[in-house]
Amino acid sequence: MDLVEKIKVLQNYLYIGKFKKVIEGCKVLQKKIPENSFILNLTGMAYQGLGLHKSAITFFRESLRVDTNNIAAKNNLANSLKALGKLDESKEIYEKILEINPSYINGLNNFANLKILWNDYDGAIKLFNKAIVIAQQKKINHINILFSLAGALHSINKIDNSIKILNDILKIDNNHTQSHKTLSSIYKYSKNNTKTIKHLEAMRNVNANHNLSDAQKIDIFFALGKAYDDLNDTENAFNYFEKGNNLKHKISISNLPEEIKTIQNIKKVFQDIDISVSHNNFSKKKIIFICGMPRSGTTLVEQIISSHKKVYGAGELIYLTNIINEEFFEDEKIKKNKIIDSQNNAISHLNKKYFDNLDLHKFSENVITDKAPQNFKWIGFIKIFFPNSKIIHCNRDPKDNCLSIYKNFFPAKEMNWCYNQNDIATYYKNYKNLMSFWQFKMPEFIYNINYEKLVSDKSNEINKLLNFCELETDENCFNHHKNSKTPIKTVSISQAREEIYSSSIDSGEKYKKFLSEMFDNLA
């Protein structure tokens, strides 16, 4: 087999997700041809596929050392920098790529996705549309760009435009399961609604296709589960939710052990750190951190608060987690001495880097919401390095909360713990344990809002919430479903655009016979 054929085989392995085989194959080729930019770039892409972005960056930089004009390697380097939260560096590279080749479709698409991270949806949509026009002119498959455009429109509540594009995609490829899954999240299925019943039948036909990849099967399983859940067909709904979770759990590596280790390490490190020692040198802007379990009501709470005329809703930001991992972790352990040393420094790198990233967002408000749910892990860091911030902890009935996690697909690798009943319950118990620890250490710093209370006594709970945030009453907050200024990027996107409803309360009751493993473990 000649070199070209060997590379084709490795490219095929990359396409089907066999990243370790790509790395092994490239190592063999590099011994024979060590200075080949294409092979170095291919190796980096395999590490990128495994989520090992630091290793990927090393190979992309090597590829560019060999060939400074390798635009694919530049694009891949920017993608990995973006994944690590180095948004300024990533932005600069995308801009250079598009200076070299303004028609480079991958660059346009990836730069658009970067702009979405800092909520520049107008800029992102322009880039998506430009990429689509170029792809059409060159007769290049552009379904993935159309899908990204549909997602952007969905996030900013242009639902009809999003639905049209998703249906256009399905006319091109009816097996585009991501589009089916997104439509499933938008539609409210009813036996009296012909459109939704037709879509259910279309998804059933796709599910009957024996040539679907595992990723496609997972998409369609969760989409069908949601449709049957809407129809109150609990038996069929659970059947598909279980299939989706089981398959995802099978092909993924659960990160539950790492999450438990991190939570235990946090408790150990912060046990005797004096969290009252904090920085006086901090931004005048106030961050309201909204945290809790995924599916606990964080998106709803952010929509309420960010409806306020004085608040900018930044959404689910990756900044805090990325900076803490970079600054304070070594060999998966927190460097306690680094925290203590940083407490005594005039300038906090954590605080500065966080606000440097926020500067990429264009806003004038002095109050900002950050609703990354799993920031509950970092409350000790927030207390020390963001002393004028507010913490809102969202909590919900544990069975309803864990059921809602089980019913949804989360694309982030950090959520690989959520596809197994026992893993979800174990994670939940560790989360509760850590929150009890934080509550004991800083009871006045954390405001607890209960989803069930918010639903049953909306007016009173919103007033108390605004009072804690030191915000005057704003009628917009009581009509959060009309909030069009804050994009939504999470799986809660469709629900958070609706008025507060009570149908999800006690939702665990109808599924209890199927979820005894999880529910018994929560007791």
Protein backbone atom coordinates (compact mmCIF):
# COMPACT_ATOMS: atom_id res chain seq x y z
CA MET A 1 0.00 0.00 0.00
CA ASP A 2 1.52 3.34 -1.06
CA LEU A 3 1.58 6.50 1.05
CA VAL A 4 -1.53 8.00 -0.53
CA GLU A 5 -3.56 4.85 0.16
CA LYS A 6 -2.31 4.66 3.76
CA ILE A 7 -3.33 8.29 4.37
CA LYS A 8 -6.78 7.62 2.87
CA VAL A 9 -7.26 4.73 5.30
CA LEU A 10 -6.27 6.97 8.25
CA GLN A 11 -8.62 9.71 7.03
CA ASN A 12 -11.44 7.18 6.97
CA TYR A 13 -10.59 6.13 10.54
CA LEU A 14 -10.75 9.81 11.51
CA TYR A 15 -14.15 10.17 9.84
CA ILE A 16 -15.65 7.22 11.76
CA GLY A 17 -14.14 8.31 15.08
CA LYS A 18 -11.36 5.73 15.47
CA PHE A 19 -8.95 8.40 16.67
CA LYS A 20 -6.45 6.12 18.43
CA LYS A 21 -5.97 4.14 15.21
CA VAL A 22 -5.22 7.41 13.41
CA ILE A 23 -2.59 8.35 16.00
CA GLU A 24 -0.96 4.90 15.82
CA GLY A 25 -0.93 4.98 12.02
CA CYS A 26 0.47 8.50 11.88
CA LYS A 27 3.29 7.58 14.29
CA VAL A 28 4.39 4.87 11.88
CA LEU A 29 4.30 7.28 8.93
CA GLN A 30 6.15 10.01 10.87
CA LYS A 31 9.12 7.69 11.40
CA LYS A 32 9.46 7.45 7.65
CA ILE A 33 8.44 11.04 6.84
CA PRO A 34 8.97 13.16 10.00
CA GLU A 35 8.57 16.55 8.31
CA ASN A 36 5.21 16.08 6.61
CA SER A 37 2.79 18.90 7.42
CA PHE A 38 -0.27 16.92 6.30
CA ILE A 39 0.47 13.94 8.56
CA LEU A 40 1.26 16.20 11.52
CA ASN A 41 -2.06 17.98 11.00
CA LEU A 42 -3.89 14.64 10.75
CA THR A 43 -2.35 13.55 14.06
CA GLY A 44 -3.51 16.78 15.68
CA MET A 45 -7.04 16.22 14.39
CA ALA A 46 -7.08 12.76 16.00
CA TYR A 47 -6.02 14.22 19.38
CA GLN A 48 -8.66 16.91 18.85
CA GLY A 49 -11.26 14.18 18.33
CA LEU A 50 -10.27 12.67 21.69
CA GLY A 51 -10.68 16.06 23.36
CA LEU A 52 -6.92 16.23 24.06
CA HIS A 53 -6.54 19.76 22.78
CA LYS A 54 -3.14 20.56 24.32
CA SER A 55 -1.60 17.61 22.49
CA ALA A 56 -3.51 18.58 19.35
CA ILE A 57 -2.10 22.11 19.49
CA THR A 58 1.45 20.75 19.66
CA PHE A 59 0.95 18.86 16.38
CA PHE A 60 -0.86 21.74 14.65
CA ARG A 61 2.03 24.08 15.54
CA GLU A 62 4.52 21.49 14.25
CA SER A 63 2.52 21.19 11.04
CA LEU A 64 2.66 24.97 10.60
CA ARG A 65 6.39 25.04 11.37
CA VAL A 66 6.89 22.67 8.43
CA ASP A 67 4.44 24.53 6.19
CA THR A 68 3.35 28.01 7.28
CA ASN A 69 0.74 28.05 4.49
CA ASN A 70 -1.19 24.99 5.72
CA ILE A 71 -4.53 26.76 6.15
CA ALA A 72 -6.26 23.59 7.41
CA ALA A 73 -3.72 23.34 10.26
CA LYS A 74 -4.28 27.04 11.09
CA ASN A 75 -8.03 26.41 11.22
CA ASN A 76 -7.61 23.34 13.42
CA LEU A 77 -5.24 25.21 15.73
CA ALA A 78 -7.85 27.96 16.17
CA ASN A 79 -10.50 25.32 16.92
CA SER A 80 -8.44 23.73 19.70
CA LEU A 81 -7.53 27.11 21.19
CA LYS A 82 -11.25 27.92 21.20
CA ALA A 83 -12.00 24.63 22.99
CA LEU A 84 -9.48 25.56 25.71
CA GLY A 85 -11.09 28.97 26.15
CA LYS A 86 -8.23 30.91 24.55
CA LEU A 87 -10.71 32.97 22.58
CA ASP A 88 -8.50 35.97 21.77
CA GLU A 89 -5.83 33.76 20.19
CA SER A 90 -8.47 31.78 18.34
CA LYS A 91 -10.10 34.97 17.03
CA GLU A 92 -6.79 36.32 15.72
CA ILE A 93 -6.08 33.11 13.80
CA TYR A 94 -9.54 32.96 12.21
CA GLU A 95 -9.15 36.59 11.13
CA LYS A 96 -5.74 35.83 9.56
CA ILE A 97 -7.19 32.79 7.78
CA LEU A 98 -9.97 34.88 6.26
CA GLU A 99 -7.47 37.58 5.24
CA ILE A 100 -5.54 34.91 3.32
CA ASN A 101 -8.66 33.29 1.88
CA PRO A 102 -11.97 35.14 2.44
CA SER A 103 -13.82 32.22 0.82
CA TYR A 104 -12.44 29.50 3.10
CA ILE A 105 -15.68 27.80 4.15
CA ASN A 106 -14.36 26.01 7.24
CA GLY A 107 -12.85 29.26 8.51
CA LEU A 108 -16.11 31.15 7.99
CA ASN A 109 -18.13 28.44 9.74
CA ASN A 110 -15.74 28.06 12.69
CA PHE A 111 -15.32 31.79 13.20
CA ALA A 112 -19.12 32.08 13.24
CA ASN A 113 -19.29 29.43 15.97
CA LEU A 114 -16.67 31.36 17.95
CA LYS A 115 -18.73 34.56 17.68
CA ILE A 116 -21.69 32.67 19.18
CA LEU A 117 -19.62 32.04 22.33
CA TRP A 118 -19.65 35.77 23.05
CA ASN A 119 -23.24 36.23 21.80
CA ASP A 120 -22.41 38.04 18.56
CA TYR A 121 -25.27 36.37 16.74
CA ASP A 122 -25.56 39.03 14.03
CA GLY A 123 -21.89 38.56 13.13
CA ALA A 124 -22.19 34.77 13.27
CA ILE A 125 -25.29 34.65 11.05
CA LYS A 126 -23.57 36.86 8.44
CA LEU A 127 -20.62 34.45 8.32
CA PHE A 128 -22.88 31.37 8.12
CA ASN A 129 -24.82 32.92 5.24
CA LYS A 130 -21.62 33.86 3.41
CA ALA A 131 -20.30 30.30 3.82
CA ILE A 132 -23.59 28.86 2.53
CA VAL A 133 -23.53 31.05 -0.61
CA ILE A 134 -19.93 30.04 -1.38
CA ALA A 135 -20.70 26.35 -0.77
CA GLN A 136 -23.70 26.52 -3.09
CA GLN A 137 -21.62 28.20 -5.80
CA LYS A 138 -18.94 25.51 -5.49
CA LYS A 139 -21.57 22.76 -5.15
CA ILE A 140 -20.12 21.69 -1.81
CA ASN A 141 -22.22 19.89 0.81
CA HIS A 142 -23.23 22.60 3.29
CA ILE A 143 -25.77 20.80 5.49
CA ASN A 144 -23.64 21.25 8.62
CA ILE A 145 -23.47 25.01 8.06
CA LEU A 146 -27.23 25.17 7.50
CA PHE A 147 -27.69 23.25 10.75
CA SER A 148 -25.43 25.70 12.62
CA LEU A 149 -27.43 28.59 11.17
CA ALA A 150 -30.69 26.96 12.29
CA GLY A 151 -29.23 26.58 15.80
CA ALA A 152 -28.20 30.23 15.91
CA LEU A 153 -31.67 31.38 14.83
CA HIS A 154 -33.26 29.05 17.41
CA SER A 155 -31.09 30.56 20.17
CA ILE A 156 -32.27 34.10 19.44
CA ASN A 157 -35.92 32.99 19.29
CA LYS A 158 -36.36 33.14 15.50
CA ILE A 159 -38.17 29.83 15.70
CA ASP A 160 -40.02 29.92 12.36
CA ASN A 161 -36.79 30.67 10.46
CA SER A 162 -35.05 27.85 12.29
CA ILE A 163 -37.84 25.35 11.56
CA LYS A 164 -37.79 26.28 7.86
CA ILE A 165 -34.04 25.63 7.59
CA LEU A 166 -34.30 22.35 9.50
CA ASN A 167 -37.03 21.16 7.13
CA ASP A 168 -34.92 22.29 4.15
CA ILE A 169 -32.09 20.13 5.49
CA LEU A 170 -34.42 17.13 5.77
CA LYS A 171 -35.47 17.60 2.14
CA ILE A 172 -31.80 17.20 1.21
CA ASP A 173 -31.12 14.39 3.68
CA ASN A 174 -34.04 12.89 5.59
CA ASN A 175 -31.55 10.94 7.73
CA HIS A 176 -30.05 14.11 9.21
CA THR A 177 -30.90 13.04 12.72
CA GLN A 178 -29.59 16.22 14.39
CA SER A 179 -32.29 18.18 12.54
CA HIS A 180 -34.94 15.67 13.62
CA LYS A 181 -33.74 15.98 17.24
CA THR A 182 -33.85 19.79 17.14
CA LEU A 183 -37.35 19.79 15.62
CA SER A 184 -38.38 17.33 18.31
CA SER A 185 -37.21 19.79 20.98
CA ILE A 186 -39.21 22.61 19.36
CA TYR A 187 -42.45 20.78 18.60
CA LYS A 188 -45.11 20.02 21.18
CA TYR A 189 -46.46 16.68 19.97
CA SER A 190 -50.21 16.17 20.07
CA LYS A 191 -52.56 13.63 18.50
CA ASN A 192 -54.58 16.59 17.20
CA ASN A 193 -51.59 18.24 15.53
CA THR A 194 -51.11 16.75 12.06
CA LYS A 195 -47.70 18.39 11.56
CA THR A 196 -46.18 16.86 14.69
CA ILE A 197 -47.71 13.43 14.10
CA LYS A 198 -46.26 13.44 10.56
CA HIS A 199 -42.88 14.31 12.00
CA LEU A 200 -43.16 11.48 14.53
CA GLU A 201 -43.86 9.07 11.69
CA ALA A 202 -40.89 10.45 9.72
CA MET A 203 -38.63 9.82 12.74
CA ARG A 204 -39.98 6.29 13.12
CA ASN A 205 -39.07 5.66 9.47
CA VAL A 206 -35.56 7.00 10.03
CA ASN A 207 -35.22 4.77 13.10
CA ALA A 208 -36.04 1.76 10.89
CA ASN A 209 -32.94 2.53 8.80
CA HIS A 210 -30.34 -0.13 9.60
CA ASN A 211 -27.45 1.96 8.26
CA LEU A 212 -27.48 4.66 10.93
CA SER A 213 -24.27 5.39 12.82
CA ASP A 214 -24.27 5.20 16.63
CA ALA A 215 -24.42 9.00 16.83
CA GLN A 216 -27.45 9.06 14.53
CA LYS A 217 -29.17 6.35 16.55
CA ILE A 218 -28.62 8.31 19.76
CA ASP A 219 -30.10 11.45 18.17
CA ILE A 220 -33.21 9.66 16.95
CA PHE A 221 -33.71 7.71 20.20
CA PHE A 222 -33.76 10.90 22.29
CA ALA A 223 -35.95 12.66 19.71
CA LEU A 224 -38.51 9.84 19.69
CA GLY A 225 -38.43 9.68 23.48
CA LYS A 226 -39.30 13.37 23.67
CA ALA A 227 -42.16 12.98 21.17
CA TYR A 228 -43.74 10.08 23.06
CA ASP A 229 -43.23 11.92 26.35
CA ASP A 230 -45.28 14.81 24.95
CA LEU A 231 -47.98 12.29 23.97
CA ASN A 232 -47.97 10.87 27.53
CA ASP A 233 -46.99 7.47 26.13
CA THR A 234 -44.64 6.74 29.01
CA GLU A 235 -43.89 3.16 27.97
CA ASN A 236 -42.66 4.11 24.50
CA ALA A 237 -40.97 7.27 25.76
CA PHE A 238 -38.89 5.40 28.32
CA ASN A 239 -38.07 2.69 25.79
CA TYR A 240 -36.38 5.27 23.56
CA PHE A 241 -34.78 7.25 26.38
CA GLU A 242 -33.29 4.02 27.71
CA LYS A 243 -31.97 3.04 24.26
CA GLY A 244 -30.39 6.47 23.80
CA ASN A 245 -28.77 6.47 27.23
CA ASN A 246 -27.56 2.89 27.02
CA LEU A 247 -25.94 3.40 23.62
CA LYS A 248 -24.31 6.70 24.60
CA HIS A 249 -23.04 5.15 27.85
CA LYS A 250 -21.66 2.19 25.89
CA ILE A 251 -19.68 4.23 23.36
CA SER A 252 -18.52 6.93 25.81
CA ILE A 253 -16.22 6.82 28.81
CA SER A 254 -18.08 8.04 31.89
CA ASN A 255 -16.21 10.83 33.65
CA LEU A 256 -18.02 10.19 36.94
CA PRO A 257 -14.85 9.01 38.79
CA GLU A 258 -13.02 12.21 37.78
CA GLU A 259 -15.98 14.37 38.84
CA ILE A 260 -16.21 12.68 42.25
CA LYS A 261 -12.45 13.00 42.71
CA THR A 262 -12.63 16.73 41.90
CA ILE A 263 -15.52 17.34 44.31
CA GLN A 264 -13.74 15.49 47.12
CA ASN A 265 -10.52 17.36 46.37
CA ILE A 266 -12.35 20.71 46.49
CA LYS A 267 -13.80 19.91 49.93
CA LYS A 268 -10.43 18.83 51.25
CA VAL A 269 -8.61 21.91 49.94
CA PHE A 270 -11.19 24.48 51.06
CA GLN A 271 -11.76 22.87 54.46
CA ASP A 272 -9.35 25.23 56.17
CA ILE A 273 -8.84 28.03 53.64
CA ASP A 274 -9.91 31.39 55.02
CA ILE A 275 -12.40 32.45 52.34
CA SER A 276 -12.91 35.82 54.04
CA VAL A 277 -9.51 36.85 52.64
CA SER A 278 -10.39 38.19 49.21
CA HIS A 279 -9.29 40.78 46.68
CA ASN A 280 -10.07 44.44 46.97
CA ASN A 281 -8.84 44.94 43.43
CA PHE A 282 -11.75 43.69 41.36
CA SER A 283 -13.94 44.88 38.50
CA LYS A 284 -16.80 47.26 39.22
CA LYS A 285 -19.00 44.98 37.13
CA LYS A 286 -21.00 42.51 39.21
CA ILE A 287 -21.41 38.90 38.15
CA ILE A 288 -24.49 36.95 39.18
CA PHE A 289 -23.43 33.30 39.04
CA ILE A 290 -26.46 31.02 38.59
CA CYS A 291 -25.57 27.41 39.34
CA GLY A 292 -26.92 24.02 40.37
CA MET A 293 -27.51 20.68 38.75
CA PRO A 294 -28.19 20.65 35.01
CA ARG A 295 -31.97 20.82 34.41
CA SER A 296 -32.59 22.42 37.81
CA GLY A 297 -34.01 25.69 36.48
CA THR A 298 -30.81 27.68 35.86
CA THR A 299 -31.88 28.76 32.35
CA LEU A 300 -35.28 29.89 33.60
CA VAL A 301 -33.72 31.89 36.44
CA GLU A 302 -31.25 33.55 34.07
CA GLN A 303 -34.07 34.47 31.68
CA ILE A 304 -35.91 36.10 34.59
CA ILE A 305 -32.93 38.11 35.87
CA SER A 306 -31.52 39.02 32.44
CA SER A 307 -34.92 40.42 31.43
CA HIS A 308 -34.05 43.28 33.78
CA LYS A 309 -33.10 46.47 31.92
CA LYS A 310 -29.85 46.77 33.89
CA VAL A 311 -28.65 43.18 33.36
CA TYR A 312 -26.71 41.52 30.54
CA GLY A 313 -27.36 37.79 30.18
CA ALA A 314 -24.06 36.23 29.14
CA GLY A 315 -25.40 32.66 29.20
CA GLU A 316 -23.56 29.44 29.97
CA LEU A 317 -19.96 30.63 29.99
CA ILE A 318 -16.95 28.30 29.86
CA TYR A 319 -14.52 30.90 31.14
CA LEU A 320 -14.45 30.21 34.87
CA THR A 321 -13.97 26.46 34.53
CA ASN A 322 -11.25 26.82 31.89
CA ILE A 323 -9.28 29.42 33.86
CA ILE A 324 -9.51 27.51 37.16
CA ASN A 325 -8.31 24.33 35.44
CA GLU A 326 -5.42 26.21 33.87
CA GLU A 327 -4.42 28.27 36.91
CA PHE A 328 -5.10 26.01 39.90
CA PHE A 329 -4.99 22.36 38.78
CA GLU A 330 -1.96 20.16 38.35
CA ASP A 331 -2.15 16.39 37.79
CA GLU A 332 -5.92 16.58 38.44
CA LYS A 333 -5.35 18.08 41.91
CA ILE A 334 -5.95 21.61 43.15
CA LYS A 335 -2.83 23.54 44.09
CA LYS A 336 -3.82 24.81 47.53
CA ASN A 337 -0.73 26.97 47.95
CA LYS A 338 -1.51 28.69 44.63
CA ILE A 339 -4.94 29.72 45.98
CA ILE A 340 -3.42 31.08 49.19
CA ASP A 341 -0.65 32.92 47.30
CA SER A 342 -3.21 34.37 44.89
CA GLN A 343 -5.32 35.62 47.81
CA ASN A 344 -2.37 37.77 48.88
CA ASN A 345 -1.50 39.12 45.44
CA ALA A 346 -2.62 42.57 44.36
CA ILE A 347 -3.96 41.22 41.07
CA SER A 348 -5.98 38.05 40.60
CA HIS A 349 -5.20 36.29 37.31
CA LEU A 350 -8.48 34.41 37.61
CA ASN A 351 -10.51 37.61 37.93
CA LYS A 352 -8.52 39.41 35.20
CA LYS A 353 -8.67 36.57 32.67
CA TYR A 354 -12.38 36.12 33.28
CA PHE A 355 -13.12 39.78 32.57
CA ASP A 356 -10.72 39.78 29.59
CA ASN A 357 -12.91 37.07 28.06
CA LEU A 358 -16.05 39.00 28.94
CA ASP A 359 -14.65 42.00 27.04
CA LEU A 360 -15.24 40.03 23.84
CA HIS A 361 -18.96 40.41 24.55
CA LYS A 362 -20.38 43.77 23.56
CA PHE A 363 -22.54 45.13 26.37
CA SER A 364 -22.89 48.27 28.47
CA GLU A 365 -24.58 46.86 31.58
CA ASN A 366 -22.70 46.62 34.89
CA VAL A 367 -24.55 43.51 36.06
CA ILE A 368 -23.90 40.24 34.19
CA THR A 369 -25.33 36.74 34.58
CA ASP A 370 -23.18 33.64 34.12
CA LYS A 371 -25.38 30.54 34.27
CA ALA A 372 -22.97 27.66 33.83
CA PRO A 373 -24.72 25.14 36.17
CA GLN A 374 -21.59 23.32 37.25
CA ASN A 375 -20.01 26.49 38.60
CA PHE A 376 -21.39 25.10 41.89
CA LYS A 377 -18.02 23.36 42.12
CA TRP A 378 -16.17 26.70 42.11
CA ILE A 379 -18.13 28.64 44.76
CA GLY A 380 -15.05 28.85 47.01
CA PHE A 381 -13.02 30.39 44.18
CA ILE A 382 -15.89 32.80 43.40
CA LYS A 383 -16.08 33.94 47.02
CA ILE A 384 -12.35 34.73 47.09
CA PHE A 385 -11.76 36.14 43.61
CA PHE A 386 -15.17 37.69 42.79
CA PRO A 387 -16.15 39.08 46.22
CA ASN A 388 -18.78 41.50 44.91
CA SER A 389 -20.56 38.78 42.95
CA LYS A 390 -23.82 37.00 43.80
CA ILE A 391 -24.41 33.23 43.89
CA ILE A 392 -27.85 31.87 43.08
CA HIS A 393 -28.19 28.16 43.66
CA CYS A 394 -31.11 26.54 41.82
CA ASN A 395 -32.52 23.36 43.30
CA ARG A 396 -35.38 21.09 42.34
CA ASP A 397 -37.04 17.87 43.46
CA PRO A 398 -34.20 15.31 43.04
CA LYS A 399 -36.33 12.73 41.19
CA ASP A 400 -37.71 15.28 38.74
CA ASN A 401 -34.24 16.76 38.29
CA CYS A 402 -32.52 13.44 37.62
CA LEU A 403 -35.32 12.25 35.33
CA SER A 404 -34.94 15.42 33.28
CA ILE A 405 -31.21 14.73 32.90
CA TYR A 406 -31.96 11.15 31.81
CA LYS A 407 -34.42 12.43 29.18
CA ASN A 408 -31.88 14.72 27.49
CA PHE A 409 -28.74 14.45 25.41
CA PHE A 410 -25.81 16.70 26.35
CA PRO A 411 -23.08 17.02 23.69
CA ALA A 412 -20.28 18.13 26.06
CA LYS A 413 -17.81 15.40 27.09
CA GLU A 414 -17.94 16.87 30.61
CA MET A 415 -21.48 15.49 30.84
CA ASN A 416 -20.57 11.87 30.09
CA TRP A 417 -21.68 10.91 33.61
CA CYS A 418 -25.34 11.47 32.74
CA TYR A 419 -26.21 8.39 30.63
CA ASN A 420 -26.54 5.82 33.37
CA GLN A 421 -29.14 5.74 36.17
CA ASN A 422 -26.66 4.90 38.91
CA ASP A 423 -24.11 7.46 37.68
CA ILE A 424 -26.71 10.25 37.67
CA ALA A 425 -27.82 9.46 41.22
CA THR A 426 -24.22 9.19 42.44
CA TYR A 427 -23.31 12.50 40.84
CA TYR A 428 -26.39 14.11 42.39
CA LYS A 429 -25.47 12.93 45.89
CA ASN A 430 -21.92 14.26 45.51
CA TYR A 431 -23.29 17.60 44.27
CA LYS A 432 -25.62 17.82 47.31
CA ASN A 433 -22.75 16.97 49.62
CA LEU A 434 -20.58 19.75 48.18
CA MET A 435 -23.42 22.28 48.33
CA SER A 436 -23.96 21.45 52.01
CA PHE A 437 -20.25 22.12 52.54
CA TRP A 438 -20.45 25.52 50.82
CA GLN A 439 -23.65 26.44 52.69
CA PHE A 440 -21.92 25.73 55.98
CA LYS A 441 -18.83 27.78 55.04
CA MET A 442 -20.66 30.81 53.61
CA PRO A 443 -24.40 30.74 54.37
CA GLU A 444 -24.95 34.45 53.59
CA PHE A 445 -23.21 34.30 50.20
CA ILE A 446 -25.53 31.76 48.55
CA TYR A 447 -29.17 32.35 47.69
CA ASN A 448 -31.19 29.16 47.27
CA ILE A 449 -34.14 29.26 44.91
CA ASN A 450 -36.44 26.28 44.67
CA TYR A 451 -37.95 25.47 41.26
CA GLU A 452 -41.24 24.23 42.73
CA LYS A 453 -41.66 27.40 44.81
CA LEU A 454 -40.84 29.57 41.80
CA VAL A 455 -43.54 27.84 39.77
CA SER A 456 -46.19 27.97 42.49
CA ASP A 457 -45.50 31.49 43.77
CA LYS A 458 -43.93 33.25 40.80
CA SER A 459 -44.47 36.88 41.84
CA ASN A 460 -43.19 36.53 45.40
CA GLU A 461 -40.18 34.40 44.43
CA ILE A 462 -39.10 36.78 41.66
CA ASN A 463 -39.33 39.74 44.03
CA LYS A 464 -37.13 37.93 46.57
CA LEU A 465 -34.68 37.02 43.82
CA LEU A 466 -34.38 40.62 42.64
CA ASN A 467 -33.95 41.81 46.22
CA PHE A 468 -31.02 39.43 46.75
CA CYS A 469 -29.44 40.64 43.48
CA GLU A 470 -29.88 44.24 44.68
CA LEU A 471 -31.99 45.06 41.62
CA GLU A 472 -35.08 47.22 41.71
CA THR A 473 -38.38 45.75 40.52
CA ASP A 474 -38.64 45.55 36.72
CA GLU A 475 -41.87 44.30 35.14
CA ASN A 476 -39.83 42.68 32.36
CA CYS A 477 -38.67 40.06 34.87
CA PHE A 478 -42.25 38.88 35.38
CA ASN A 479 -42.60 38.38 31.60
CA HIS A 480 -39.34 36.52 31.07
CA HIS A 481 -40.80 34.46 28.20
CA LYS A 482 -40.79 37.66 26.12
CA ASN A 483 -37.05 38.16 26.76
CA SER A 484 -35.50 38.39 23.31
CA LYS A 485 -32.24 40.06 24.35
CA THR A 486 -30.69 36.96 25.99
CA PRO A 487 -29.84 34.06 23.66
CA ILE A 488 -30.33 30.51 24.95
CA LYS A 489 -27.83 27.82 23.96
CA THR A 490 -28.81 24.95 26.27
CA VAL A 491 -31.19 21.98 26.01
CA SER A 492 -33.69 24.11 27.97
CA ILE A 493 -34.04 26.49 25.03
CA SER A 494 -37.67 25.77 24.11
CA GLN A 495 -39.02 25.50 27.67
CA ALA A 496 -37.37 28.75 28.80
CA ARG A 497 -39.19 30.67 26.05
CA GLU A 498 -42.55 29.68 27.54
CA GLU A 499 -44.43 31.13 30.49
CA ILE A 500 -43.72 29.38 33.78
CA TYR A 501 -45.62 26.09 33.78
CA SER A 502 -46.17 23.35 36.37
CA SER A 503 -46.40 20.24 34.16
CA SER A 504 -42.83 19.18 34.96
CA ILE A 505 -43.48 19.08 38.72
CA ASP A 506 -43.76 15.48 40.00
CA SER A 507 -42.86 14.28 36.50
CA GLY A 508 -40.76 11.56 38.11
CA GLU A 509 -43.90 9.90 39.43
CA LYS A 510 -45.04 8.49 36.09
CA TYR A 511 -41.55 7.10 35.35
CA LYS A 512 -40.81 5.65 38.80
CA LYS A 513 -41.41 2.02 37.78
CA PHE A 514 -38.70 2.38 35.10
CA LEU A 515 -36.18 4.30 37.16
CA SER A 516 -36.00 2.36 40.43
CA GLU A 517 -32.20 2.04 40.16
CA MET A 518 -31.81 5.81 40.06
CA PHE A 519 -34.62 6.78 42.41
CA ASP A 520 -33.72 4.19 45.08
CA ASN A 521 -30.15 5.49 45.03
CA LEU A 522 -31.40 9.04 45.61
CA ALA A 523 -33.28 8.05 48.78
